Every structure is written in structure tokens, then in C-alpha cells.
Amino acid sequence: MLMSKSVETLIDLVEIKLSCLEVWDREDAKERKALEIALKELLMMRTGSKRAIPANGAEITELRPAHVA
């Protein structure tokens, strides 16, 4: 289990990467999807529940394993 400070740091890093990512091809789209899934998982770890609530307040309820595209 990760410390809450580590989870927050990882959330920040994933959000920064997502904001900088430009999708030009299929590989970029796959990377974006993987980052979105990772963000959902990290948000769930932060809240300790099956629901994740990001900073903007929108609820995320769907979660698929990172290896599923």
C-alpha cells in the first residue's frame, strides 16, 4: 500500500502528463487511455472506496484493469 502523500504525488504527475499529451495516432490514444485508467485507480486509492472523486467533483464509477485497452 502506498502512503497518501505518494498517491497524491502520483495523481498530480498523471494529471500533468494527461494535460500535456497530444493525441496524434493510435499509440498516443492507447497511452492516454492507460493514463486515464491509472488516474481512476489512484483516485480510488485516495478515497479508499470503489468510487473516485477527482478534484473537479465529477464522480468516476467505472474501473477497468490497466491491461485492458
PDB file of N, CA and C in Angstrom:
ATOM      1  N   MET A   1       0.841  -1.171   0.000  1.00  0.00           N
ATOM      2  CA  MET A   1       0.000   0.000   0.000  1.00  0.00           C
ATOM      3  C   MET A   1       0.891   1.240   0.000  1.00  0.00           C
ATOM      4  N   LEU A   2       0.488   2.217  -0.781  1.00  0.00           N
ATOM      5  CA  LEU A   2       1.250   3.458  -0.865  1.00  0.00           C
ATOM      6  C   LEU A   2       0.804   4.444   0.211  1.00  0.00           C
ATOM      7  N   MET A   3       1.712   5.280   0.637  1.00  0.00           N
ATOM      8  CA  MET A   3       1.387   6.348   1.580  1.00  0.00           C
ATOM      9  C   MET A   3       0.512   7.370   0.860  1.00  0.00           C
ATOM     10  N   SER A   4      -0.356   8.057   1.591  1.00  0.00           N
ATOM     11  CA  SER A   4      -1.277   9.008   0.959  1.00  0.00           C
ATOM     12  C   SER A   4      -0.536  10.132   0.240  1.00  0.00           C
ATOM     13  N   LYS A   5       0.592  10.567   0.754  1.00  0.00           N
ATOM     14  CA  LYS A   5       1.381  11.609   0.084  1.00  0.00           C
ATOM     15  C   LYS A   5       1.904  11.100  -1.257  1.00  0.00           C
ATOM     16  N   SER A   6       2.288   9.844  -1.313  1.00  0.00           N
ATOM     17  CA  SER A   6       2.766   9.256  -2.563  1.00  0.00           C
ATOM     18  C   SER A   6       1.643   9.158  -3.582  1.00  0.00           C
ATOM     19  N   VAL A   7       0.462   8.779  -3.126  1.00  0.00           N
ATOM     20  CA  VAL A   7      -0.699   8.689  -4.016  1.00  0.00           C
ATOM     21  C   VAL A   7      -1.015  10.071  -4.580  1.00  0.00           C
ATOM     22  N   GLU A   8      -1.003  11.098  -3.739  1.00  0.00           N
ATOM     23  CA  GLU A   8      -1.272  12.462  -4.192  1.00  0.00           C
ATOM     24  C   GLU A   8      -0.238  12.912  -5.223  1.00  0.00           C
ATOM     25  N   THR A   9       1.018  12.575  -4.994  1.00  0.00           N
ATOM     26  CA  THR A   9       2.082  12.936  -5.928  1.00  0.00           C
ATOM     27  C   THR A   9       1.872  12.242  -7.267  1.00  0.00           C
ATOM     28  N   LEU A  10       1.525  10.971  -7.230  1.00  0.00           N
ATOM     29  CA  LEU A  10       1.271  10.238  -8.470  1.00  0.00           C
ATOM     30  C   LEU A  10       0.059  10.785  -9.214  1.00  0.00           C
ATOM     31  N   ILE A  11      -0.988  11.156  -8.489  1.00  0.00           N
ATOM     32  CA  ILE A  11      -2.163  11.764  -9.116  1.00  0.00           C
ATOM     33  C   ILE A  11      -1.756  13.046  -9.832  1.00  0.00           C
ATOM     34  N   ASP A  12      -0.972  13.873  -9.171  1.00  0.00           N
ATOM     35  CA  ASP A  12      -0.510  15.119  -9.788  1.00  0.00           C
ATOM     36  C   ASP A  12       0.291  14.851 -11.063  1.00  0.00           C
ATOM     37  N   LEU A  13       1.181  13.881 -11.002  1.00  0.00           N
ATOM     38  CA  LEU A  13       2.016  13.560 -12.162  1.00  0.00           C
ATOM     39  C   LEU A  13       1.186  13.041 -13.340  1.00  0.00           C
ATOM     40  N   VAL A  14       0.228  12.183 -13.061  1.00  0.00           N
ATOM     41  CA  VAL A  14      -0.618  11.645 -14.126  1.00  0.00           C
ATOM     42  C   VAL A  14      -1.469  12.756 -14.726  1.00  0.00           C
ATOM     43  N   GLU A  15      -2.014  13.637 -13.887  1.00  0.00           N
ATOM     44  CA  GLU A  15      -2.818  14.742 -14.395  1.00  0.00           C
ATOM     45  C   GLU A  15      -1.984  15.683 -15.267  1.00  0.00           C
ATOM     46  N   ILE A  16      -0.746  15.943 -14.874  1.00  0.00           N
ATOM     47  CA  ILE A  16       0.138  16.787 -15.671  1.00  0.00           C
ATOM     48  C   ILE A  16       0.427  16.122 -17.014  1.00  0.00           C
ATOM     49  N   LYS A  17       0.742  14.840 -16.980  1.00  0.00           N
ATOM     50  CA  LYS A  17       1.026  14.111 -18.224  1.00  0.00           C
ATOM     51  C   LYS A  17      -0.183  14.139 -19.152  1.00  0.00           C
ATOM     52  N   LEU A  18      -1.380  13.921 -18.609  1.00  0.00           N
ATOM     53  CA  LEU A  18      -2.593  13.962 -19.420  1.00  0.00           C
ATOM     54  C   LEU A  18      -2.821  15.342 -20.026  1.00  0.00           C
ATOM     55  N   SER A  19      -2.535  16.385 -19.286  1.00  0.00           N
ATOM     56  CA  SER A  19      -2.759  17.736 -19.797  1.00  0.00           C
ATOM     57  C   SER A  19      -1.767  18.102 -20.900  1.00  0.00           C
ATOM     58  N   CYS A  20      -0.615  17.469 -20.902  1.00  0.00           N
ATOM     59  CA  CYS A  20       0.412  17.761 -21.908  1.00  0.00           C
ATOM     60  C   CYS A  20       0.330  16.845 -23.130  1.00  0.00           C
ATOM     61  N   LEU A  21      -0.352  15.741 -22.997  1.00  0.00           N
ATOM     62  CA  LEU A  21      -0.376  14.729 -24.053  1.00  0.00           C
ATOM     63  C   LEU A  21      -1.215  15.184 -25.241  1.00  0.00           C
ATOM     64  N   GLU A  22      -0.630  15.126 -26.420  1.00  0.00           N
ATOM     65  CA  GLU A  22      -1.345  15.401 -27.658  1.00  0.00           C
ATOM     66  C   GLU A  22      -1.525  14.084 -28.393  1.00  0.00           C
ATOM     67  N   VAL A  23      -2.753  13.787 -28.740  1.00  0.00           N
ATOM     68  CA  VAL A  23      -3.052  12.522 -29.414  1.00  0.00           C
ATOM     69  C   VAL A  23      -2.989  12.735 -30.919  1.00  0.00           C
ATOM     70  N   TRP A  24      -2.031  12.074 -31.540  1.00  0.00           N
ATOM     71  CA  TRP A  24      -1.848  12.166 -32.988  1.00  0.00           C
ATOM     72  C   TRP A  24      -2.097  10.830 -33.683  1.00  0.00           C
ATOM     73  N   ASP A  25      -1.932   9.738 -32.941  1.00  0.00           N
ATOM     74  CA  ASP A  25      -2.092   8.431 -33.569  1.00  0.00           C
ATOM     75  C   ASP A  25      -2.646   7.433 -32.552  1.00  0.00           C
ATOM     76  N   ARG A  26      -2.758   6.194 -32.986  1.00  0.00           N
ATOM     77  CA  ARG A  26      -3.332   5.144 -32.143  1.00  0.00           C
ATOM     78  C   ARG A  26      -2.508   4.902 -30.886  1.00  0.00           C
ATOM     79  N   GLU A  27      -1.193   4.971 -31.007  1.00  0.00           N
ATOM     80  CA  GLU A  27      -0.330   4.753 -29.842  1.00  0.00           C
ATOM     81  C   GLU A  27      -0.544   5.841 -28.790  1.00  0.00           C
ATOM     82  N   ASP A  28      -0.696   7.080 -29.244  1.00  0.00           N
ATOM     83  CA  ASP A  28      -0.982   8.172 -28.308  1.00  0.00           C
ATOM     84  C   ASP A  28      -2.323   7.951 -27.616  1.00  0.00           C
ATOM     85  N   ALA A  29      -3.306   7.484 -28.374  1.00  0.00           N
ATOM     86  CA  ALA A  29      -4.632   7.222 -27.796  1.00  0.00           C
ATOM     87  C   ALA A  29      -4.558   6.110 -26.755  1.00  0.00           C
ATOM     88  N   LYS A  30      -3.767   5.082 -27.030  1.00  0.00           N
ATOM     89  CA  LYS A  30      -3.583   3.996 -26.058  1.00  0.00           C
ATOM     90  C   LYS A  30      -2.920   4.518 -24.785  1.00  0.00           C
ATOM     91  N   GLU A  31      -1.914   5.373 -24.961  1.00  0.00           N
ATOM     92  CA  GLU A  31      -1.230   5.934 -23.796  1.00  0.00           C
ATOM     93  C   GLU A  31      -2.189   6.791 -22.971  1.00  0.00           C
ATOM     94  N   ARG A  32      -3.009   7.609 -23.644  1.00  0.00           N
ATOM     95  CA  ARG A  32      -3.980   8.438 -22.930  1.00  0.00           C
ATOM     96  C   ARG A  32      -4.955   7.574 -22.142  1.00  0.00           C
ATOM     97  N   LYS A  33      -5.452   6.506 -22.769  1.00  0.00           N
ATOM     98  CA  LYS A  33      -6.402   5.621 -22.100  1.00  0.00           C
ATOM     99  C   LYS A  33      -5.757   4.963 -20.878  1.00  0.00           C
ATOM    100  N   ALA A  34      -4.513   4.511 -21.031  1.00  0.00           N
ATOM    101  CA  ALA A  34      -3.805   3.894 -19.901  1.00  0.00           C
ATOM    102  C   ALA A  34      -3.621   4.889 -18.757  1.00  0.00           C
ATOM    103  N   LEU A  35      -3.313   6.134 -19.091  1.00  0.00           N
ATOM    104  CA  LEU A  35      -3.156   7.163 -18.063  1.00  0.00           C
ATOM    105  C   LEU A  35      -4.482   7.476 -17.387  1.00  0.00           C
ATOM    106  N   GLU A  36      -5.570   7.504 -18.153  1.00  0.00           N
ATOM    107  CA  GLU A  36      -6.890   7.749 -17.563  1.00  0.00           C
ATOM    108  C   GLU A  36      -7.274   6.635 -16.596  1.00  0.00           C
ATOM    109  N   ILE A  37      -6.977   5.412 -16.961  1.00  0.00           N
ATOM    110  CA  ILE A  37      -7.273   4.280 -16.089  1.00  0.00           C
ATOM    111  C   ILE A  37      -6.412   4.345 -14.829  1.00  0.00           C
ATOM    112  N   ALA A  38      -5.133   4.673 -15.002  1.00  0.00           N
ATOM    113  CA  ALA A  38      -4.246   4.800 -13.848  1.00  0.00           C
ATOM    114  C   ALA A  38      -4.737   5.896 -12.908  1.00  0.00           C
ATOM    115  N   LEU A  39      -5.203   7.001 -13.474  1.00  0.00           N
ATOM    116  CA  LEU A  39      -5.724   8.089 -12.651  1.00  0.00           C
ATOM    117  C   LEU A  39      -6.944   7.634 -11.859  1.00  0.00           C
ATOM    118  N   LYS A  40      -7.849   6.908 -12.496  1.00  0.00           N
ATOM    119  CA  LYS A  40      -9.028   6.392 -11.798  1.00  0.00           C
ATOM    120  C   LYS A  40      -8.621   5.484 -10.645  1.00  0.00           C
ATOM    121  N   GLU A  41      -7.650   4.619 -10.888  1.00  0.00           N
ATOM    122  CA  GLU A  41      -7.190   3.714  -9.836  1.00  0.00           C
ATOM    123  C   GLU A  41      -6.564   4.484  -8.679  1.00  0.00           C
ATOM    124  N   LEU A  42      -5.769   5.492  -8.995  1.00  0.00           N
ATOM    125  CA  LEU A  42      -5.145   6.304  -7.943  1.00  0.00           C
ATOM    126  C   LEU A  42      -6.194   7.075  -7.148  1.00  0.00           C
ATOM    127  N   LEU A  43      -7.197   7.608  -7.834  1.00  0.00           N
ATOM    128  CA  LEU A  43      -8.263   8.318  -7.130  1.00  0.00           C
ATOM    129  C   LEU A  43      -9.024   7.388  -6.204  1.00  0.00           C
ATOM    130  N   MET A  44      -9.203   6.151  -6.624  1.00  0.00           N
ATOM    131  CA  MET A  44      -9.863   5.167  -5.757  1.00  0.00           C
ATOM    132  C   MET A  44      -9.002   4.847  -4.547  1.00  0.00           C
ATOM    133  N   MET A  45      -7.696   4.770  -4.760  1.00  0.00           N
ATOM    134  CA  MET A  45      -6.792   4.518  -3.637  1.00  0.00           C
ATOM    135  C   MET A  45      -6.851   5.674  -2.649  1.00  0.00           C
ATOM    136  N   ARG A  46      -6.959   6.893  -3.169  1.00  0.00           N
ATOM    137  CA  ARG A  46      -7.010   8.071  -2.310  1.00  0.00           C
ATOM    138  C   ARG A  46      -8.264   8.075  -1.447  1.00  0.00           C
ATOM    139  N   THR A  47      -9.393   7.725  -2.040  1.00  0.00           N
ATOM    140  CA  THR A  47     -10.643   7.756  -1.296  1.00  0.00           C
ATOM    141  C   THR A  47     -10.878   6.487  -0.499  1.00  0.00           C
ATOM    142  N   GLY A  48     -10.195   5.405  -0.885  1.00  0.00           N
ATOM    143  CA  GLY A  48     -10.371   4.145  -0.177  1.00  0.00           C
ATOM    144  C   GLY A  48     -11.708   3.491  -0.445  1.00  0.00           C
ATOM    145  N   SER A  49     -12.318   3.815  -1.578  1.00  0.00           N
ATOM    146  CA  SER A  49     -13.614   3.243  -1.904  1.00  0.00           C
ATOM    147  C   SER A  49     -13.636   2.762  -3.346  1.00  0.00           C
ATOM    148  N   LYS A  50     -14.803   2.274  -3.761  1.00  0.00           N
ATOM    149  CA  LYS A  50     -14.966   1.835  -5.133  1.00  0.00           C
ATOM    150  C   LYS A  50     -15.353   2.993  -6.043  1.00  0.00           C
ATOM    151  N   ARG A  51     -15.527   4.171  -5.477  1.00  0.00           N
ATOM    152  CA  ARG A  51     -15.835   5.358  -6.253  1.00  0.00           C
ATOM    153  C   ARG A  51     -14.687   6.338  -6.106  1.00  0.00           C
ATOM    154  N   ALA A  52     -14.404   7.040  -7.171  1.00  0.00           N
ATOM    155  CA  ALA A  52     -13.341   8.034  -7.126  1.00  0.00           C
ATOM    156  C   ALA A  52     -13.924   9.403  -7.441  1.00  0.00           C
ATOM    157  N   ILE A  53     -13.522  10.391  -6.676  1.00  0.00           N
ATOM    158  CA  ILE A  53     -13.998  11.746  -6.912  1.00  0.00           C
ATOM    159  C   ILE A  53     -12.777  12.627  -7.181  1.00  0.00           C
ATOM    160  N   PRO A  54     -12.576  13.023  -8.442  1.00  0.00           N
ATOM    161  CA  PRO A  54     -11.440  13.879  -8.768  1.00  0.00           C
ATOM    162  C   PRO A  54     -11.651  15.304  -8.245  1.00  0.00           C
ATOM    163  N   ALA A  55     -10.631  16.121  -8.377  1.00  0.00           N
ATOM    164  CA  ALA A  55     -10.663  17.483  -7.852  1.00  0.00           C
ATOM    165  C   ALA A  55     -11.813  18.304  -8.418  1.00  0.00           C
ATOM    166  N   ASN A  56     -12.207  18.064  -9.668  1.00  0.00           N
ATOM    167  CA  ASN A  56     -13.280  18.853 -10.275  1.00  0.00           C
ATOM    168  C   ASN A  56     -14.663  18.422  -9.801  1.00  0.00           C
ATOM    169  N   GLY A  57     -14.742  17.384  -8.976  1.00  0.00           N
ATOM    170  CA  GLY A  57     -16.004  16.964  -8.384  1.00  0.00           C
ATOM    171  C   GLY A  57     -16.797  15.955  -9.192  1.00  0.00           C
ATOM    172  N   ALA A  58     -16.388  15.649 -10.418  1.00  0.00           N
ATOM    173  CA  ALA A  58     -17.097  14.669 -11.233  1.00  0.00           C
ATOM    174  C   ALA A  58     -16.823  13.277 -10.682  1.00  0.00           C
ATOM    175  N   GLU A  59     -17.866  12.497 -10.527  1.00  0.00           N
ATOM    176  CA  GLU A  59     -17.719  11.161  -9.964  1.00  0.00           C
ATOM    177  C   GLU A  59     -17.293  10.164 -11.038  1.00  0.00           C
ATOM    178  N   ILE A  60     -16.348   9.307 -10.717  1.00  0.00           N
ATOM    179  CA  ILE A  60     -15.892   8.250 -11.608  1.00  0.00           C
ATOM    180  C   ILE A  60     -16.292   6.934 -10.973  1.00  0.00           C
ATOM    181  N   THR A  61     -17.073   6.132 -11.676  1.00  0.00           N
ATOM    182  CA  THR A  61     -17.503   4.867 -11.091  1.00  0.00           C
ATOM    183  C   THR A  61     -17.011   3.665 -11.882  1.00  0.00           C
ATOM    184  N   GLU A  62     -16.634   3.845 -13.133  1.00  0.00           N
ATOM    185  CA  GLU A  62     -16.175   2.720 -13.948  1.00  0.00           C
ATOM    186  C   GLU A  62     -14.687   2.529 -13.739  1.00  0.00           C
ATOM    187  N   LEU A  63     -14.282   1.274 -13.623  1.00  0.00           N
ATOM    188  CA  LEU A  63     -12.858   0.967 -13.496  1.00  0.00           C
ATOM    189  C   LEU A  63     -12.574  -0.326 -14.210  1.00  0.00           C
ATOM    190  N   ARG A  64     -11.618  -0.277 -15.117  1.00  0.00           N
ATOM    191  CA  ARG A  64     -11.154  -1.488 -15.783  1.00  0.00           C
ATOM    192  C   ARG A  64      -9.688  -1.664 -15.461  1.00  0.00           C
ATOM    193  N   PRO A  65      -9.208  -2.891 -15.420  1.00  0.00           N
ATOM    194  CA  PRO A  65      -7.787  -3.119 -15.160  1.00  0.00           C
ATOM    195  C   PRO A  65      -6.933  -2.419 -16.192  1.00  0.00           C
ATOM    196  N   ALA A  66      -5.736  -1.995 -15.797  1.00  0.00           N
ATOM    197  CA  ALA A  66      -4.834  -1.250 -16.663  1.00  0.00           C
ATOM    198  C   ALA A  66      -4.445  -2.028 -17.918  1.00  0.00           C
ATOM    199  N   HIS A  67      -4.468  -3.347 -17.866  1.00  0.00           N
ATOM    200  CA  HIS A  67      -4.047  -4.124 -19.030  1.00  0.00           C
ATOM    201  C   HIS A  67      -5.134  -4.260 -20.082  1.00  0.00           C
ATOM    202  N   VAL A  68      -6.335  -3.773 -19.803  1.00  0.00           N
ATOM    203  CA  VAL A  68      -7.433  -3.832 -20.765  1.00  0.00           C
ATOM    204  C   VAL A  68      -7.457  -2.540 -21.549  1.00  0.00           C
ATOM    205  N   ALA A  69      -7.416  -2.637 -22.876  1.00  0.00           N
ATOM    206  CA  ALA A  69      -7.401  -1.433 -23.716  1.00  0.00           C
ATOM    207  C   ALA A  69      -8.802  -1.033 -24.111  1.00  0.00           C
TER     208      ALA A  69
END
